[in-house]
Amino acid sequence: MKPHSGHARCAHCGRRFQQRAGPGRKKDYCDLACRRRAQRQRDGKAGAQQTVDSCSWGRVISESVHVLAAHLVAAEHQHLPLDVLLEHANALTREVGYYTAAAVHDARANGTGWESVAAAAGVSIETARDRWSERRVRRLLTRRAHGEGPCPSQQISAQRYAPTEAGVPSPSTAAGTTGPGSSSHQLASALAYLRHQSGMTIQDAAQQADLSPSYVSRVLADERVPSWAVVHMLATIFGGKASELRMLWERTQGAAYPPRQTVEGSAQRLQDAFRGLYLAASCPELEGLVVEGQLSAATVAEVLRGNVVPDWETAGALIARLGGHPGDFRRLWEEFHYAFLASQVDFPPDGLSRSMLPGSDADDSMGSA
């Protein structure tokens, strides 16, 4: 009689597959790719990938949801046409769908069982397994990373209707230009610098991020503008701090700034922006950034460490020396200045020490430049 093979579940991704018939050891994995991934986890070669997973995909995408929601609110306040409002709403809805898949992935990675996932989502266990399997979620987020997410339609709306401020490029200008000095070029330069410092090959990075080597190569060469999820993954894989690249990426998208933050939160965001621009310039020697009578190497070091928030004149000089555009930073600096003025009368002419901020722990939490 011909033996019955039956089905089994992959020990790596949980997908059901046809089990082999007859004698011999049964298969533990659905295909060779899952077997290799499981092997990398066992022998320690997947360390960087585990770091990426541990950073929470849901948290990364939730930040994008936040930006899209801010665009929708801004569009309402500007009384934009219905087609534009619905364009924003559709982009937000689509990103929320990506967030749902990412949140389930994070929960599963933290040990949540399918029964709990199904109960939270209000679906059957079989539906949850099928809808949010590891393979399906990775494929979905890979499509998002390759530009099938909400950014294109959202960016079109921003380009069509966002006002231009004096000294601040409009999103259509900031997001549409390429080449040296553009936001996309600076973002690519920062990622390329982190990759070089890590000593990692493009092939290894692509494998750990579940992207094609050619796509990663194009991102590093400023031929493709990636999604925030890809920027976050690559920066983490290269051993960098993704938040330091946030402003560079937002400028490529024409993204709105999030609602007003605390004094410490706005100071941290400004420091991250300075660090990102410093990375984009390939971390030059501090002495080479000196401006006689205006900007010293010691001041630059303190700004990059996050110990000092400079006055605007000093900030503008540093931004220019790093090849950036002061207008890109003006809102961030004003956001901090506004929060500071809520409790102080005058901004110190020589800048403000982070140690003076309410609840600040800058000396302990900030890394070295």
Protein backbone atom coordinates (compact mmCIF):
# COMPACT_ATOMS: atom_id res chain seq x y z
CA MET A 1 0.00 0.00 0.00
CA LYS A 2 1.31 3.47 -0.87
CA PRO A 3 2.17 5.37 2.33
CA HIS A 4 0.21 8.50 3.15
CA SER A 5 2.41 11.59 3.40
CA GLY A 6 0.10 14.09 5.18
CA HIS A 7 0.96 17.65 6.03
CA ALA A 8 3.26 19.36 8.50
CA ARG A 9 4.01 22.91 9.61
CA CYS A 10 7.31 24.61 8.85
CA ALA A 11 9.41 24.96 12.01
CA HIS A 12 10.56 28.39 10.83
CA CYS A 13 7.63 30.22 9.23
CA GLY A 14 4.68 28.06 10.37
CA ARG A 15 3.35 27.47 6.84
CA ARG A 16 1.65 24.15 6.08
CA PHE A 17 3.42 21.98 3.50
CA GLN A 18 3.18 18.50 2.00
CA GLN A 19 5.25 16.09 4.08
CA ARG A 20 7.37 13.53 2.22
CA ALA A 21 6.16 9.93 2.17
CA GLY A 22 8.04 6.76 3.03
CA PRO A 23 10.86 6.00 5.48
CA GLY A 24 13.60 8.38 6.50
CA ARG A 25 13.70 11.63 8.42
CA LYS A 26 10.72 13.89 7.90
CA LYS A 27 11.12 17.45 6.69
CA ASP A 28 11.13 20.20 9.31
CA TYR A 29 10.93 23.11 6.88
CA CYS A 30 8.75 23.99 3.93
CA ASP A 31 11.66 24.84 1.63
CA LEU A 32 15.40 25.34 1.50
CA ALA A 33 15.17 29.08 2.19
CA CYS A 34 13.44 28.52 5.54
CA ARG A 35 15.95 25.84 6.44
CA ARG A 36 18.84 28.21 5.75
CA ARG A 37 17.25 31.01 7.77
CA ALA A 38 16.74 28.68 10.71
CA GLN A 39 20.36 27.53 10.42
CA ARG A 40 21.63 31.11 10.46
CA GLN A 41 19.67 31.74 13.65
CA ARG A 42 21.13 28.63 15.28
CA ASP A 43 24.75 29.24 14.40
CA GLY A 44 24.69 32.95 15.28
CA LYS A 45 25.07 34.29 11.73
CA ALA A 46 21.70 36.01 11.91
CA GLY A 47 22.70 38.36 14.69
CA ALA A 48 22.21 41.50 12.65
CA GLN A 49 18.84 40.30 11.39
CA GLN A 50 17.70 39.65 14.93
CA THR A 51 18.72 43.20 15.77
CA VAL A 52 16.54 44.46 12.94
CA ASP A 53 13.59 42.39 14.13
CA SER A 54 14.06 43.54 17.71
CA CYS A 55 13.73 47.19 16.68
CA SER A 56 9.97 46.60 16.11
CA TRP A 57 8.65 46.89 12.59
CA GLY A 58 5.37 48.15 14.00
CA ARG A 59 7.05 51.09 15.71
CA VAL A 60 8.84 52.05 12.49
CA ILE A 61 5.63 52.00 10.43
CA SER A 62 3.64 53.73 13.19
CA GLU A 63 5.94 56.75 12.71
CA SER A 64 4.98 56.80 9.04
CA VAL A 65 1.30 56.57 10.03
CA HIS A 66 1.90 59.57 12.28
CA VAL A 67 3.34 61.61 9.39
CA LEU A 68 0.48 60.67 7.05
CA ALA A 69 -2.09 61.56 9.69
CA ALA A 70 -0.40 64.95 10.13
CA HIS A 71 -0.69 65.52 6.36
CA LEU A 72 -4.40 64.73 6.50
CA VAL A 73 -4.94 67.16 9.39
CA ALA A 74 -2.98 69.87 7.55
CA ALA A 75 -5.04 69.27 4.39
CA GLU A 76 -8.26 69.70 6.37
CA HIS A 77 -7.05 72.95 7.92
CA GLN A 78 -6.09 74.23 4.47
CA HIS A 79 -9.59 73.36 3.16
CA LEU A 80 -8.13 71.43 0.24
CA PRO A 81 -10.39 69.82 -2.39
CA LEU A 82 -12.18 66.55 -1.64
CA ASP A 83 -10.05 64.52 -4.05
CA VAL A 84 -6.92 65.59 -2.17
CA LEU A 85 -8.47 64.81 1.22
CA LEU A 86 -9.46 61.33 0.02
CA GLU A 87 -6.01 60.82 -1.46
CA HIS A 88 -4.52 61.46 1.97
CA ALA A 89 -7.13 59.24 3.62
CA ASN A 90 -6.44 56.35 1.23
CA ALA A 91 -2.69 56.63 1.82
CA LEU A 92 -3.28 56.58 5.57
CA THR A 93 -5.62 53.58 5.33
CA ARG A 94 -3.09 51.63 3.30
CA GLU A 95 -0.29 52.38 5.76
CA VAL A 96 -2.49 51.27 8.67
CA GLY A 97 -2.88 47.93 6.87
CA TYR A 98 0.91 47.60 6.73
CA TYR A 99 1.08 48.51 10.39
CA THR A 100 -1.36 45.75 11.31
CA ALA A 101 0.80 43.12 9.61
CA ALA A 102 3.95 44.52 11.24
CA ALA A 103 2.31 44.61 14.69
CA VAL A 104 1.32 40.96 14.41
CA HIS A 105 4.86 40.08 13.30
CA ASP A 106 6.30 41.89 16.33
CA ALA A 107 3.87 40.16 18.68
CA ARG A 108 4.75 36.76 17.25
CA ALA A 109 8.47 37.52 17.55
CA ASN A 110 7.89 38.30 21.23
CA GLY A 111 6.22 34.93 21.82
CA THR A 112 2.52 35.71 21.35
CA GLY A 113 0.60 32.61 20.23
CA TRP A 114 -1.71 32.42 17.26
CA GLU A 115 -4.69 32.01 19.58
CA SER A 116 -4.02 35.42 21.14
CA VAL A 117 -3.39 37.02 17.74
CA ALA A 118 -6.68 35.61 16.40
CA ALA A 119 -8.60 36.83 19.46
CA ALA A 120 -7.12 40.34 19.20
CA ALA A 121 -7.91 40.56 15.46
CA GLY A 122 -11.36 38.98 15.76
CA VAL A 123 -10.62 36.21 13.24
CA SER A 124 -10.16 32.46 13.37
CA ILE A 125 -6.79 30.94 14.19
CA GLU A 126 -6.48 29.49 10.69
CA THR A 127 -7.27 32.88 9.14
CA ALA A 128 -4.67 34.58 11.34
CA ARG A 129 -2.02 32.00 10.42
CA ASP A 130 -2.74 32.41 6.73
CA ARG A 131 -3.09 36.20 6.71
CA TRP A 132 -0.03 37.02 8.80
CA SER A 133 2.41 34.18 8.24
CA GLU A 134 6.07 35.12 8.41
CA ARG A 135 6.51 34.66 4.68
CA ARG A 136 3.44 36.70 3.77
CA VAL A 137 4.27 39.58 6.11
CA ARG A 138 7.84 39.81 4.81
CA ARG A 139 6.59 39.77 1.23
CA LEU A 140 4.04 42.49 2.04
CA LEU A 141 6.59 44.74 3.70
CA THR A 142 9.07 44.15 0.90
CA ARG A 143 6.47 45.45 -1.56
CA ARG A 144 6.02 48.47 0.69
CA ALA A 145 9.78 49.01 0.77
CA HIS A 146 9.93 48.95 -3.04
CA GLY A 147 7.57 51.88 -3.34
CA GLU A 148 4.13 50.25 -3.31
CA GLY A 149 3.26 51.91 0.00
CA PRO A 150 1.40 55.19 0.49
CA CYS A 151 4.27 57.57 -0.13
CA PRO A 152 3.79 58.23 -3.89
CA SER A 153 0.18 59.47 -3.67
CA GLN A 154 0.87 61.30 -0.42
CA GLN A 155 3.89 62.96 -1.93
CA ILE A 156 1.95 64.08 -5.01
CA SER A 157 -0.54 65.86 -2.77
CA ALA A 158 2.24 67.48 -0.78
CA GLN A 159 3.94 68.64 -3.96
CA ARG A 160 0.74 70.09 -5.37
CA TYR A 161 -0.49 71.98 -2.35
CA ALA A 162 2.23 72.53 0.28
CA PRO A 163 3.07 76.25 0.64
CA THR A 164 6.59 77.57 0.22
CA GLU A 165 8.15 79.49 3.13
CA ALA A 166 10.82 82.12 2.82
CA GLY A 167 14.16 80.39 2.96
CA VAL A 168 12.61 76.91 3.17
CA PRO A 169 12.32 74.82 -0.03
CA SER A 170 8.81 73.57 -0.73
CA PRO A 171 8.31 69.77 -0.60
CA SER A 172 8.09 69.67 -4.37
CA THR A 173 11.56 71.20 -4.56
CA ALA A 174 13.10 69.28 -1.67
CA ALA A 175 11.67 65.91 -2.67
CA GLY A 176 12.06 66.27 -6.39
CA THR A 177 15.68 67.26 -6.76
CA THR A 178 18.58 64.85 -7.01
CA GLY A 179 22.34 65.11 -7.16
CA PRO A 180 24.95 66.51 -4.73
CA GLY A 181 23.39 68.62 -2.00
CA SER A 182 19.89 67.19 -2.42
CA SER A 183 18.15 65.43 0.45
CA SER A 184 18.15 62.11 -1.38
CA HIS A 185 21.87 62.39 -2.07
CA GLN A 186 22.60 63.22 1.58
CA LEU A 187 20.49 60.27 2.74
CA ALA A 188 22.32 57.91 0.35
CA SER A 189 25.68 59.32 1.45
CA ALA A 190 24.88 58.76 5.12
CA LEU A 191 23.82 55.16 4.49
CA ALA A 192 26.86 54.54 2.30
CA TYR A 193 29.14 55.91 5.01
CA LEU A 194 27.56 53.64 7.65
CA ARG A 195 27.93 50.68 5.29
CA HIS A 196 31.60 51.46 4.72
CA GLN A 197 32.25 51.83 8.45
CA SER A 198 30.53 48.52 9.20
CA GLY A 199 32.68 46.65 6.66
CA MET A 200 29.58 44.79 5.49
CA THR A 201 29.09 43.82 1.85
CA ILE A 202 26.00 44.88 -0.05
CA GLN A 203 25.13 41.20 -0.57
CA ASP A 204 25.18 40.47 3.18
CA ALA A 205 23.14 43.58 3.98
CA ALA A 206 20.57 42.72 1.31
CA GLN A 207 20.22 39.19 2.63
CA GLN A 208 19.66 40.36 6.20
CA ALA A 209 17.12 42.99 5.11
CA ASP A 210 15.32 40.59 2.73
CA LEU A 211 15.99 42.92 -0.21
CA SER A 212 17.74 42.35 -3.52
CA PRO A 213 21.43 43.36 -3.71
CA SER A 214 20.70 45.47 -6.79
CA TYR A 215 18.02 47.43 -4.90
CA VAL A 216 20.33 48.10 -1.93
CA SER A 217 23.07 49.14 -4.36
CA ARG A 218 20.71 51.62 -6.04
CA VAL A 219 19.68 53.05 -2.67
CA LEU A 220 23.32 53.62 -1.68
CA ALA A 221 24.04 55.17 -5.09
CA ASP A 222 21.11 57.63 -4.79
CA GLU A 223 19.26 55.96 -7.65
CA ARG A 224 16.27 54.96 -5.49
CA VAL A 225 14.67 56.71 -2.50
CA PRO A 226 13.71 53.97 -0.01
CA SER A 227 10.82 53.88 2.44
CA TRP A 228 11.48 54.71 6.08
CA ALA A 229 11.26 51.01 6.96
CA VAL A 230 14.17 50.28 4.60
CA VAL A 231 16.20 53.22 5.91
CA HIS A 232 15.60 52.01 9.47
CA MET A 233 16.58 48.42 8.62
CA LEU A 234 19.73 49.34 6.71
CA ALA A 235 20.92 51.85 9.30
CA THR A 236 20.42 49.26 12.05
CA ILE A 237 22.15 46.52 10.06
CA PHE A 238 25.10 48.86 9.49
CA GLY A 239 25.32 49.55 13.23
CA GLY A 240 24.02 53.13 13.02
CA LYS A 241 21.24 55.03 14.76
CA ALA A 242 18.23 55.23 12.46
CA SER A 243 16.75 58.31 14.15
CA GLU A 244 19.77 60.33 12.98
CA LEU A 245 18.64 59.79 9.38
CA ARG A 246 14.99 60.62 10.01
CA MET A 247 15.10 64.27 8.93
CA LEU A 248 17.10 63.45 5.78
CA TRP A 249 14.46 60.89 4.80
CA GLU A 250 11.55 63.21 5.64
CA ARG A 251 12.98 65.85 3.33
CA THR A 252 12.95 63.35 0.45
CA GLN A 253 9.23 62.78 1.09
CA GLY A 254 8.17 66.39 1.60
CA ALA A 255 6.92 65.15 4.97
CA ALA A 256 5.33 67.36 7.58
CA TYR A 257 6.87 67.64 11.00
CA PRO A 258 5.03 65.86 13.82
CA PRO A 259 3.01 67.84 16.39
CA ARG A 260 4.90 69.96 18.93
CA GLN A 261 7.07 67.94 21.30
CA THR A 262 8.54 68.47 24.74
CA VAL A 263 11.68 70.56 25.22
CA GLU A 264 13.83 67.45 25.62
CA GLY A 265 12.09 65.68 22.71
CA SER A 266 12.61 68.60 20.32
CA ALA A 267 16.22 68.93 21.44
CA GLN A 268 16.82 65.24 20.74
CA ARG A 269 15.22 65.55 17.31
CA LEU A 270 17.45 68.51 16.48
CA GLN A 271 20.56 66.64 17.66
CA ASP A 272 19.60 63.62 15.53
CA ALA A 273 19.26 65.92 12.51
CA PHE A 274 22.76 67.36 13.09
CA ARG A 275 24.17 63.84 13.48
CA GLY A 276 22.48 62.72 10.27
CA LEU A 277 23.97 65.63 8.33
CA TYR A 278 27.38 64.84 9.85
CA LEU A 279 27.07 61.24 8.65
CA ALA A 280 26.03 62.45 5.19
CA ALA A 281 29.27 64.45 5.09
CA SER A 282 31.22 61.25 5.98
CA CYS A 283 32.08 62.44 9.51
CA PRO A 284 34.78 65.02 8.66
CA GLU A 285 37.43 66.11 11.17
CA LEU A 286 35.98 68.72 13.52
CA GLU A 287 38.86 71.12 12.88
CA GLY A 288 37.80 71.27 9.25
CA LEU A 289 34.40 72.66 10.27
CA VAL A 290 35.76 75.66 12.17
CA VAL A 291 34.58 79.15 11.17
CA GLU A 292 36.93 81.77 12.62
CA GLY A 293 35.20 83.83 15.29
CA GLN A 294 31.91 81.97 14.91
CA LEU A 295 32.27 78.20 15.12
CA SER A 296 34.92 76.32 17.10
CA ALA A 297 35.79 72.62 17.05
CA ALA A 298 34.77 72.39 20.72
CA THR A 299 31.31 73.82 19.94
CA VAL A 300 30.85 71.39 17.06
CA ALA A 301 31.77 68.48 19.33
CA GLU A 302 29.28 69.56 22.00
CA VAL A 303 26.48 70.00 19.45
CA LEU A 304 27.08 66.56 17.94
CA ARG A 305 27.20 64.96 21.39
CA GLY A 306 23.87 66.58 22.18
CA ASN A 307 25.22 68.56 25.12
CA VAL A 308 24.53 71.97 23.54
CA VAL A 309 21.69 73.34 21.41
CA PRO A 310 23.34 76.20 19.50
CA ASP A 311 21.87 79.61 18.79
CA TRP A 312 20.55 79.96 15.26
CA GLU A 313 23.58 81.83 13.88
CA THR A 314 25.91 79.08 15.10
CA ALA A 315 23.53 76.36 13.93
CA GLY A 316 23.34 77.89 10.45
CA ALA A 317 27.13 78.10 10.20
CA LEU A 318 27.53 74.44 11.18
CA ILE A 319 24.81 73.30 8.77
CA ALA A 320 26.44 75.19 5.91
CA ARG A 321 29.89 73.74 6.74
CA LEU A 322 28.39 70.26 6.57
CA GLY A 323 26.92 70.92 3.13
CA GLY A 324 23.32 71.18 4.32
CA HIS A 325 20.58 73.77 3.85
CA PRO A 326 19.82 75.90 6.94
CA GLY A 327 16.20 76.17 5.84
CA ASP A 328 15.80 72.41 6.33
CA PHE A 329 16.67 72.86 10.02
CA ARG A 330 14.86 76.10 10.72
CA ARG A 331 11.57 74.51 11.78
CA LEU A 332 13.32 72.04 14.04
CA TRP A 333 15.27 74.83 15.73
CA GLU A 334 12.17 77.02 16.07
CA GLU A 335 10.22 74.09 17.52
CA PHE A 336 12.85 73.77 20.25
CA HIS A 337 13.06 77.55 20.73
CA TYR A 338 9.28 77.80 21.16
CA ALA A 339 9.23 75.02 23.75
CA PHE A 340 12.12 76.64 25.61
CA LEU A 341 10.46 80.06 25.63
CA ALA A 342 7.47 78.56 27.42
CA SER A 343 9.61 78.54 30.57
CA GLN A 344 12.34 81.12 29.85
CA VAL A 345 12.39 84.75 28.78
CA ASP A 346 15.57 85.02 26.70
CA PHE A 347 17.52 82.46 24.68
CA PRO A 348 21.18 82.50 25.81
CA PRO A 349 23.34 84.25 23.16
CA ASP A 350 25.99 81.53 23.31
CA GLY A 351 23.53 78.62 23.04
CA LEU A 352 21.85 76.47 25.64
CA SER A 353 23.42 73.58 27.52
CA ARG A 354 21.32 70.42 27.36
CA SER A 355 22.02 69.89 31.07
CA MET A 356 19.78 72.92 31.75
CA LEU A 357 16.72 71.27 30.22
CA PRO A 358 13.94 69.98 32.50
CA GLY A 359 14.39 66.24 33.05
CA SER A 360 17.52 66.15 30.89
CA ASP A 361 20.01 63.32 31.28
CA ALA A 362 22.11 64.37 28.29
CA ASP A 363 25.52 63.65 29.78
CA ASP A 364 24.62 60.02 30.50
CA SER A 365 22.48 59.24 27.46
CA MET A 366 24.32 60.95 24.60
CA GLY A 367 27.09 59.12 22.79
CA SER A 368 30.31 60.65 21.74
CA ALA A 369 30.54 62.52 18.46
